[in-house]
Protein backbone atom coordinates (compact mmCIF):
# COMPACT_ATOMS: atom_id res chain seq x y z
CA UNK A 1 0.00 0.00 0.00
CA UNK A 2 1.53 3.32 -1.03
CA UNK A 3 1.29 6.35 1.21
CA UNK A 4 -0.35 9.60 0.13
CA UNK A 5 2.16 12.30 -0.84
CA UNK A 6 1.44 16.03 -1.15
CA UNK A 7 2.82 18.40 -3.78
CA UNK A 8 5.95 19.10 -1.73
CA UNK A 9 6.82 15.40 -1.58
CA UNK A 10 5.87 14.89 2.07
CA UNK A 11 3.86 11.91 3.22
CA UNK A 12 0.67 12.31 5.21
CA UNK A 13 2.50 11.04 8.30
CA UNK A 14 5.26 13.65 7.88
CA UNK A 15 2.66 16.40 7.51
CA UNK A 16 0.82 15.21 10.64
CA UNK A 17 4.07 15.21 12.62
CA UNK A 18 4.81 18.80 11.64
CA UNK A 19 1.25 19.87 12.43
CA UNK A 20 1.36 18.19 15.84
CA UNK A 21 4.69 19.83 16.65
CA UNK A 22 3.24 23.22 15.71
CA UNK A 23 0.19 22.58 17.91
CA UNK A 24 2.38 21.73 20.90
CA UNK A 25 4.59 24.79 20.34
CA UNK A 26 1.59 27.12 20.05
CA UNK A 27 -0.34 25.68 22.99
CA UNK A 28 1.89 24.33 25.71
CA UNK A 29 5.47 23.28 25.25
CA UNK A 30 8.47 22.75 23.05
CA UNK A 31 8.15 19.72 20.77
CA UNK A 32 10.50 18.15 18.26
CA UNK A 33 10.95 15.14 16.03
CA UNK A 34 13.80 12.70 16.54
CA UNK A 35 14.67 9.52 14.68
CA UNK A 36 12.66 7.58 17.28
CA UNK A 37 9.53 9.74 17.24
CA UNK A 38 8.00 12.97 18.48
CA UNK A 39 8.90 14.32 21.91
CA UNK A 40 7.66 17.13 24.12
CA UNK A 41 9.75 18.79 26.79
CA UNK A 42 8.20 18.76 30.25
CA UNK A 43 10.13 20.78 32.78
CA UNK A 44 13.82 21.53 32.56
CA UNK A 45 15.20 18.05 32.13
CA UNK A 46 12.35 15.74 31.13
CA UNK A 47 11.21 14.71 27.67
CA UNK A 48 8.22 12.51 26.91
CA UNK A 49 7.69 10.57 23.70
CA UNK A 50 4.28 11.19 22.14
CA UNK A 51 2.34 8.21 20.77
CA UNK A 52 1.33 8.03 17.11
CA UNK A 53 -2.34 8.38 18.05
CA UNK A 54 -1.57 11.50 20.09
CA UNK A 55 0.35 12.95 17.13
CA UNK A 56 -2.70 12.37 14.91
CA UNK A 57 -5.01 13.91 17.51
CA UNK A 58 -2.87 17.04 17.92
CA UNK A 59 -2.49 17.37 14.14
CA UNK A 60 -6.27 17.25 13.84
CA UNK A 61 -6.59 19.99 16.48
CA UNK A 62 -4.01 22.06 14.59
CA UNK A 63 -5.93 21.72 11.31
CA UNK A 64 -9.16 22.72 13.06
CA UNK A 65 -7.54 25.84 14.45
CA UNK A 66 -6.13 26.76 11.04
CA UNK A 67 -9.54 26.40 9.43
CA UNK A 68 -11.06 28.76 12.00
CA UNK A 69 -8.50 31.55 11.46
PDB file of N, CA and C in Angstrom:
ATOM      1  N   UNK A   1       0.841  -1.173   0.000  1.00  0.00           N
ATOM      2  CA  UNK A   1       0.000   0.000   0.000  1.00  0.00           C
ATOM      3  C   UNK A   1       0.890   1.242   0.000  1.00  0.00           C
ATOM      4  N   UNK A   2       0.719   2.104  -0.963  1.00  0.00           N
ATOM      5  CA  UNK A   2       1.527   3.322  -1.029  1.00  0.00           C
ATOM      6  C   UNK A   2       0.890   4.405  -0.164  1.00  0.00           C
ATOM      7  N   UNK A   3       1.757   5.287   0.336  1.00  0.00           N
ATOM      8  CA  UNK A   3       1.293   6.350   1.208  1.00  0.00           C
ATOM      9  C   UNK A   3       0.986   7.594   0.382  1.00  0.00           C
ATOM     10  N   UNK A   4       0.001   8.368   0.812  1.00  0.00           N
ATOM     11  CA  UNK A   4      -0.346   9.601   0.130  1.00  0.00           C
ATOM     12  C   UNK A   4       0.795  10.605   0.260  1.00  0.00           C
ATOM     13  N   UNK A   5       1.074  11.318  -0.821  1.00  0.00           N
ATOM     14  CA  UNK A   5       2.156  12.305  -0.836  1.00  0.00           C
ATOM     15  C   UNK A   5       1.588  13.616  -1.355  1.00  0.00           C
ATOM     16  N   UNK A   6       1.926  14.727  -0.701  1.00  0.00           N
ATOM     17  CA  UNK A   6       1.441  16.034  -1.154  1.00  0.00           C
ATOM     18  C   UNK A   6       2.363  16.598  -2.224  1.00  0.00           C
ATOM     19  N   UNK A   7       2.060  17.798  -2.679  1.00  0.00           N
ATOM     20  CA  UNK A   7       2.821  18.398  -3.778  1.00  0.00           C
ATOM     21  C   UNK A   7       4.265  18.712  -3.418  1.00  0.00           C
ATOM     22  N   UNK A   8       4.580  18.819  -2.151  1.00  0.00           N
ATOM     23  CA  UNK A   8       5.953  19.097  -1.734  1.00  0.00           C
ATOM     24  C   UNK A   8       6.733  17.817  -1.464  1.00  0.00           C
ATOM     25  N   UNK A   9       6.134  16.666  -1.746  1.00  0.00           N
ATOM     26  CA  UNK A   9       6.824  15.400  -1.580  1.00  0.00           C
ATOM     27  C   UNK A   9       6.802  14.837  -0.176  1.00  0.00           C
ATOM     28  N   UNK A  10       5.967  15.397   0.698  1.00  0.00           N
ATOM     29  CA  UNK A  10       5.870  14.894   2.074  1.00  0.00           C
ATOM     30  C   UNK A  10       4.726  13.899   2.172  1.00  0.00           C
ATOM     31  N   UNK A  11       4.927  12.872   2.977  1.00  0.00           N
ATOM     32  CA  UNK A  11       3.864  11.910   3.217  1.00  0.00           C
ATOM     33  C   UNK A  11       2.863  12.491   4.205  1.00  0.00           C
ATOM     34  N   UNK A  12       1.688  11.878   4.261  1.00  0.00           N
ATOM     35  CA  UNK A  12       0.666  12.309   5.210  1.00  0.00           C
ATOM     36  C   UNK A  12       1.198  12.235   6.636  1.00  0.00           C
ATOM     37  N   UNK A  13       1.940  11.193   6.956  1.00  0.00           N
ATOM     38  CA  UNK A  13       2.505  11.036   8.303  1.00  0.00           C
ATOM     39  C   UNK A  13       3.474  12.176   8.617  1.00  0.00           C
ATOM     40  N   UNK A  14       4.313  12.553   7.666  1.00  0.00           N
ATOM     41  CA  UNK A  14       5.261  13.648   7.882  1.00  0.00           C
ATOM     42  C   UNK A  14       4.527  14.973   8.106  1.00  0.00           C
ATOM     43  N   UNK A  15       3.460  15.179   7.356  1.00  0.00           N
ATOM     44  CA  UNK A  15       2.661  16.399   7.514  1.00  0.00           C
ATOM     45  C   UNK A  15       2.012  16.423   8.892  1.00  0.00           C
ATOM     46  N   UNK A  16       1.452  15.282   9.317  1.00  0.00           N
ATOM     47  CA  UNK A  16       0.822  15.214  10.641  1.00  0.00           C
ATOM     48  C   UNK A  16       1.840  15.484  11.750  1.00  0.00           C
ATOM     49  N   UNK A  17       3.031  14.969  11.608  1.00  0.00           N
ATOM     50  CA  UNK A  17       4.069  15.206  12.623  1.00  0.00           C
ATOM     51  C   UNK A  17       4.361  16.696  12.731  1.00  0.00           C
ATOM     52  N   UNK A  18       4.529  17.360  11.608  1.00  0.00           N
ATOM     53  CA  UNK A  18       4.810  18.795  11.636  1.00  0.00           C
ATOM     54  C   UNK A  18       3.645  19.585  12.222  1.00  0.00           C
ATOM     55  N   UNK A  19       2.421  19.189  11.885  1.00  0.00           N
ATOM     56  CA  UNK A  19       1.249  19.875  12.427  1.00  0.00           C
ATOM     57  C   UNK A  19       1.147  19.671  13.934  1.00  0.00           C
ATOM     58  N   UNK A  20       1.407  18.464  14.400  1.00  0.00           N
ATOM     59  CA  UNK A  20       1.358  18.192  15.843  1.00  0.00           C
ATOM     60  C   UNK A  20       2.420  18.996  16.579  1.00  0.00           C
ATOM     61  N   UNK A  21       3.620  19.046  16.024  1.00  0.00           N
ATOM     62  CA  UNK A  21       4.695  19.826  16.647  1.00  0.00           C
ATOM     63  C   UNK A  21       4.299  21.293  16.738  1.00  0.00           C
ATOM     64  N   UNK A  22       3.705  21.828  15.680  1.00  0.00           N
ATOM     65  CA  UNK A  22       3.244  23.221  15.705  1.00  0.00           C
ATOM     66  C   UNK A  22       2.169  23.418  16.765  1.00  0.00           C
ATOM     67  N   UNK A  23       1.239  22.457  16.894  1.00  0.00           N
ATOM     68  CA  UNK A  23       0.190  22.577  17.905  1.00  0.00           C
ATOM     69  C   UNK A  23       0.809  22.641  19.290  1.00  0.00           C
ATOM     70  N   UNK A  24       1.729  21.723  19.585  1.00  0.00           N
ATOM     71  CA  UNK A  24       2.377  21.727  20.896  1.00  0.00           C
ATOM     72  C   UNK A  24       3.098  23.048  21.144  1.00  0.00           C
ATOM     73  N   UNK A  25       3.841  23.537  20.165  1.00  0.00           N
ATOM     74  CA  UNK A  25       4.591  24.790  20.337  1.00  0.00           C
ATOM     75  C   UNK A  25       3.665  25.965  20.594  1.00  0.00           C
ATOM     76  N   UNK A  26       2.526  26.001  19.902  1.00  0.00           N
ATOM     77  CA  UNK A  26       1.595  27.120  20.052  1.00  0.00           C
ATOM     78  C   UNK A  26       0.754  27.034  21.317  1.00  0.00           C
ATOM     79  N   UNK A  27       0.613  25.846  21.893  1.00  0.00           N
ATOM     80  CA  UNK A  27      -0.336  25.677  22.988  1.00  0.00           C
ATOM     81  C   UNK A  27       0.247  25.280  24.337  1.00  0.00           C
ATOM     82  N   UNK A  28       1.442  24.737  24.376  1.00  0.00           N
ATOM     83  CA  UNK A  28       1.889  24.335  25.709  1.00  0.00           C
ATOM     84  C   UNK A  28       3.390  24.202  25.888  1.00  0.00           C
ATOM     85  N   UNK A  29       4.093  23.631  24.957  1.00  0.00           N
ATOM     86  CA  UNK A  29       5.473  23.283  25.254  1.00  0.00           C
ATOM     87  C   UNK A  29       6.288  23.065  23.975  1.00  0.00           C
ATOM     88  N   UNK A  30       7.584  23.014  24.170  1.00  0.00           N
ATOM     89  CA  UNK A  30       8.473  22.747  23.049  1.00  0.00           C
ATOM     90  C   UNK A  30       8.311  21.294  22.613  1.00  0.00           C
ATOM     91  N   UNK A  31       8.265  21.074  21.318  1.00  0.00           N
ATOM     92  CA  UNK A  31       8.154  19.722  20.770  1.00  0.00           C
ATOM     93  C   UNK A  31       9.122  19.596  19.604  1.00  0.00           C
ATOM     94  N   UNK A  32       9.580  18.383  19.370  1.00  0.00           N
ATOM     95  CA  UNK A  32      10.500  18.152  18.261  1.00  0.00           C
ATOM     96  C   UNK A  32      10.413  16.704  17.798  1.00  0.00           C
ATOM     97  N   UNK A  33      10.913  16.488  16.596  1.00  0.00           N
ATOM     98  CA  UNK A  33      10.955  15.136  16.033  1.00  0.00           C
ATOM     99  C   UNK A  33      12.383  14.619  16.087  1.00  0.00           C
ATOM    100  N   UNK A  34      12.527  13.391  16.494  1.00  0.00           N
ATOM    101  CA  UNK A  34      13.803  12.702  16.542  1.00  0.00           C
ATOM    102  C   UNK A  34      13.652  11.441  15.695  1.00  0.00           C
ATOM    103  N   UNK A  35      14.721  10.741  15.476  1.00  0.00           N
ATOM    104  CA  UNK A  35      14.672   9.522  14.676  1.00  0.00           C
ATOM    105  C   UNK A  35      13.709   8.481  15.271  1.00  0.00           C
ATOM    106  N   UNK A  36      13.526   8.542  16.599  1.00  0.00           N
ATOM    107  CA  UNK A  36      12.658   7.576  17.279  1.00  0.00           C
ATOM    108  C   UNK A  36      11.216   8.024  17.419  1.00  0.00           C
ATOM    109  N   UNK A  37      10.907   9.275  17.104  1.00  0.00           N
ATOM    110  CA  UNK A  37       9.531   9.741  17.237  1.00  0.00           C
ATOM    111  C   UNK A  37       9.433  11.209  17.568  1.00  0.00           C
ATOM    112  N   UNK A  38       8.273  11.592  18.094  1.00  0.00           N
ATOM    113  CA  UNK A  38       7.997  12.970  18.478  1.00  0.00           C
ATOM    114  C   UNK A  38       8.077  13.059  20.001  1.00  0.00           C
ATOM    115  N   UNK A  39       8.718  14.118  20.479  1.00  0.00           N
ATOM    116  CA  UNK A  39       8.904  14.321  21.913  1.00  0.00           C
ATOM    117  C   UNK A  39       8.434  15.712  22.305  1.00  0.00           C
ATOM    118  N   UNK A  40       7.939  15.827  23.530  1.00  0.00           N
ATOM    119  CA  UNK A  40       7.658  17.127  24.123  1.00  0.00           C
ATOM    120  C   UNK A  40       8.537  17.277  25.351  1.00  0.00           C
ATOM    121  N   UNK A  41       8.940  18.515  25.615  1.00  0.00           N
ATOM    122  CA  UNK A  41       9.746  18.793  26.793  1.00  0.00           C
ATOM    123  C   UNK A  41       8.830  19.190  27.934  1.00  0.00           C
ATOM    124  N   UNK A  42       9.002  18.511  29.059  1.00  0.00           N
ATOM    125  CA  UNK A  42       8.201  18.761  30.253  1.00  0.00           C
ATOM    126  C   UNK A  42       9.170  19.114  31.367  1.00  0.00           C
ATOM    127  N   UNK A  43       9.172  20.347  31.766  1.00  0.00           N
ATOM    128  CA  UNK A  43      10.128  20.782  32.779  1.00  0.00           C
ATOM    129  C   UNK A  43      11.491  21.026  32.155  1.00  0.00           C
ATOM    130  N   UNK A  44      12.481  21.189  33.024  1.00  0.00           N
ATOM    131  CA  UNK A  44      13.822  21.529  32.564  1.00  0.00           C
ATOM    132  C   UNK A  44      14.609  20.347  32.018  1.00  0.00           C
ATOM    133  N   UNK A  45      14.361  19.174  32.530  1.00  0.00           N
ATOM    134  CA  UNK A  45      15.196  18.045  32.129  1.00  0.00           C
ATOM    135  C   UNK A  45      14.407  16.764  31.862  1.00  0.00           C
ATOM    136  N   UNK A  46      13.180  16.915  31.399  1.00  0.00           N
ATOM    137  CA  UNK A  46      12.351  15.741  31.133  1.00  0.00           C
ATOM    138  C   UNK A  46      11.709  15.850  29.755  1.00  0.00           C
ATOM    139  N   UNK A  47      11.830  14.783  28.999  1.00  0.00           N
ATOM    140  CA  UNK A  47      11.214  14.707  27.672  1.00  0.00           C
ATOM    141  C   UNK A  47      10.321  13.476  27.638  1.00  0.00           C
ATOM    142  N   UNK A  48       9.171  13.604  26.987  1.00  0.00           N
ATOM    143  CA  UNK A  48       8.217  12.508  26.905  1.00  0.00           C
ATOM    144  C   UNK A  48       7.933  12.223  25.437  1.00  0.00           C
ATOM    145  N   UNK A  49       8.004  10.946  25.066  1.00  0.00           N
ATOM    146  CA  UNK A  49       7.690  10.568  23.696  1.00  0.00           C
ATOM    147  C   UNK A  49       6.177  10.539  23.536  1.00  0.00           C
ATOM    148  N   UNK A  50       5.705  11.097  22.433  1.00  0.00           N
ATOM    149  CA  UNK A  50       4.284  11.189  22.142  1.00  0.00           C
ATOM    150  C   UNK A  50       3.895  10.013  21.245  1.00  0.00           C
ATOM    151  N   UNK A  51       2.786   9.358  21.563  1.00  0.00           N
ATOM    152  CA  UNK A  51       2.335   8.214  20.768  1.00  0.00           C
ATOM    153  C   UNK A  51       1.843   8.665  19.398  1.00  0.00           C
ATOM    154  N   UNK A  52       1.801   7.732  18.467  1.00  0.00           N
ATOM    155  CA  UNK A  52       1.330   8.025  17.109  1.00  0.00           C
ATOM    156  C   UNK A  52      -0.113   8.514  17.121  1.00  0.00           C
ATOM    157  N   UNK A  53      -0.943   7.936  17.987  1.00  0.00           N
ATOM    158  CA  UNK A  53      -2.340   8.375  18.046  1.00  0.00           C
ATOM    159  C   UNK A  53      -2.446   9.786  18.611  1.00  0.00           C
ATOM    160  N   UNK A  54      -1.576  10.145  19.545  1.00  0.00           N
ATOM    161  CA  UNK A  54      -1.567  11.501  20.092  1.00  0.00           C
ATOM    162  C   UNK A  54      -1.089  12.494  19.033  1.00  0.00           C
ATOM    163  N   UNK A  55      -0.108  12.099  18.228  1.00  0.00           N
ATOM    164  CA  UNK A  55       0.348  12.949  17.126  1.00  0.00           C
ATOM    165  C   UNK A  55      -0.809  13.223  16.174  1.00  0.00           C
ATOM    166  N   UNK A  56      -1.555  12.196  15.810  1.00  0.00           N
ATOM    167  CA  UNK A  56      -2.701  12.369  14.908  1.00  0.00           C
ATOM    168  C   UNK A  56      -3.756  13.278  15.526  1.00  0.00           C
ATOM    169  N   UNK A  57      -4.021  13.090  16.810  1.00  0.00           N
ATOM    170  CA  UNK A  57      -5.009  13.911  17.506  1.00  0.00           C
ATOM    171  C   UNK A  57      -4.592  15.377  17.521  1.00  0.00           C
ATOM    172  N   UNK A  58      -3.342  15.652  17.867  1.00  0.00           N
ATOM    173  CA  UNK A  58      -2.870  17.043  17.924  1.00  0.00           C
ATOM    174  C   UNK A  58      -2.820  17.663  16.530  1.00  0.00           C
ATOM    175  N   UNK A  59      -2.478  16.872  15.519  1.00  0.00           N
ATOM    176  CA  UNK A  59      -2.487  17.373  14.142  1.00  0.00           C
ATOM    177  C   UNK A  59      -3.910  17.752  13.732  1.00  0.00           C
ATOM    178  N   UNK A  60      -4.878  16.952  14.142  1.00  0.00           N
ATOM    179  CA  UNK A  60      -6.273  17.249  13.844  1.00  0.00           C
ATOM    180  C   UNK A  60      -6.704  18.542  14.528  1.00  0.00           C
ATOM    181  N   UNK A  61      -6.294  18.732  15.780  1.00  0.00           N
ATOM    182  CA  UNK A  61      -6.585  19.988  16.479  1.00  0.00           C
ATOM    183  C   UNK A  61      -5.947  21.170  15.755  1.00  0.00           C
ATOM    184  N   UNK A  62      -4.720  21.003  15.312  1.00  0.00           N
ATOM    185  CA  UNK A  62      -4.009  22.061  14.590  1.00  0.00           C
ATOM    186  C   UNK A  62      -4.770  22.446  13.317  1.00  0.00           C
ATOM    187  N   UNK A  63      -5.188  21.431  12.547  1.00  0.00           N
ATOM    188  CA  UNK A  63      -5.932  21.716  11.310  1.00  0.00           C
ATOM    189  C   UNK A  63      -7.238  22.435  11.613  1.00  0.00           C
ATOM    190  N   UNK A  64      -7.908  22.041  12.682  1.00  0.00           N
ATOM    191  CA  UNK A  64      -9.159  22.715  13.062  1.00  0.00           C
ATOM    192  C   UNK A  64      -8.927  24.168  13.408  1.00  0.00           C
ATOM    193  N   UNK A  65      -7.848  24.445  14.113  1.00  0.00           N
ATOM    194  CA  UNK A  65      -7.536  25.838  14.452  1.00  0.00           C
ATOM    195  C   UNK A  65      -7.198  26.654  13.212  1.00  0.00           C
ATOM    196  N   UNK A  66      -6.506  26.054  12.264  1.00  0.00           N
ATOM    197  CA  UNK A  66      -6.126  26.756  11.044  1.00  0.00           C
ATOM    198  C   UNK A  66      -7.350  27.066  10.182  1.00  0.00           C
ATOM    199  N   UNK A  67      -8.322  26.169  10.190  1.00  0.00           N
ATOM    200  CA  UNK A  67      -9.544  26.395   9.427  1.00  0.00           C
ATOM    201  C   UNK A  67     -10.366  27.539  10.015  1.00  0.00           C
ATOM    202  N   UNK A  68     -10.266  27.732  11.322  1.00  0.00           N
ATOM    203  CA  UNK A  68     -11.056  28.763  12.003  1.00  0.00           C
ATOM    204  C   UNK A  68     -10.383  30.124  12.033  1.00  0.00           C
ATOM    205  N   UNK A  69      -9.195  30.243  11.470  1.00  0.00           N
ATOM    206  CA  UNK A  69      -8.498  31.547  11.459  1.00  0.00           C
ATOM    207  C   UNK A  69      -9.044  32.431  10.383  1.00  0.00           C
TER     208      UNK A  69
END
